[in-house]
Amino acid sequence: MNYAKHILLLMLFTLCFSANSQKVNISPNLYLEKLTEHVYVHTSLTELTDWGKFPSNGLVYVNGSEAWLLDTPMDDSLTVKLIDHLEQEMQLKIIGFIPNHFHDDCTAGMDILKKRNIPSYCFYKTSALHTEEPNCDFVFYSDTTFLLGDFPIQIFYPGEAHSPDNIVCYLPKEKVLFGGCMVKSAASKTLGNISDANLEKWPINIKKVIAKYTQAEWVIPGHGEQGDISLLTHTLKLLLE
């Protein structure tokens, strides 16, 4: 291969790699990764004494110039950076927020959302358990569907698992399931934080999710890398060990 051809191939490879790169670093501890045409995973890095530095996931679901946010980062400053990026860089209007459960890795930035006039919608158990101010703007009491234009966001409460209130969100147009912390990543060797877990009911209720979402192509855990429905069976395996 002559030198000119080598340089041309290197340039083409670089261009292709850049075109396929779906991850945007918003800050050293926050990035946004495009998963499908309309779905982004936001991942924030937080350091806690008992757990060290770890990633937490949430979703941004986009239709045109509007978006729903699922979970906030665990840090107000990172929530500000995420909202600023969505609003200023991506020119999105966030029309709603849904937390997966009451823990800080889902709800810590709700005060920022309140200041930005972004309405929050919580499962009634999450609203009852989330005792910090501000609390949720709107409460729902059963499985429900929210809309982003004509894109449905289906909410399912399988029962107690990682926490008493953990829901899952399914985006049928994208075949994306946001399982949150009741679903473990493929790299997880333990169940993580089980301080509020129901270890007796978790296996029963993860089986409900497995049975209900056989068509899901993407499954997003609360922490760690996304995968497919094998993350659900991996979680069940951890629970039964």
Foldseek 3Di string as FASTA:
>chain_A
DDPVVVVVVVVVVVVVVVVPFQKDDLDPFWIWGDDDPFKIKIWGWDADPVPGIFIFIWMWGDDPQEIETEFAALDQVRRVSVVCCSCPVVVHDYAEYEYQAQDSRGCNNVVVCVVVVHAYEYEVRRQVPNPDPPGHPHYDDAWDWDDDPPWIWTKHDLAFFLARGGIWIAGVVQLEIERELLFDDPPDLASPDSVHGDLVCSLVSLVVVLVPRVPRQWYHYRTDDIGGSVSSVVSNVNSVD
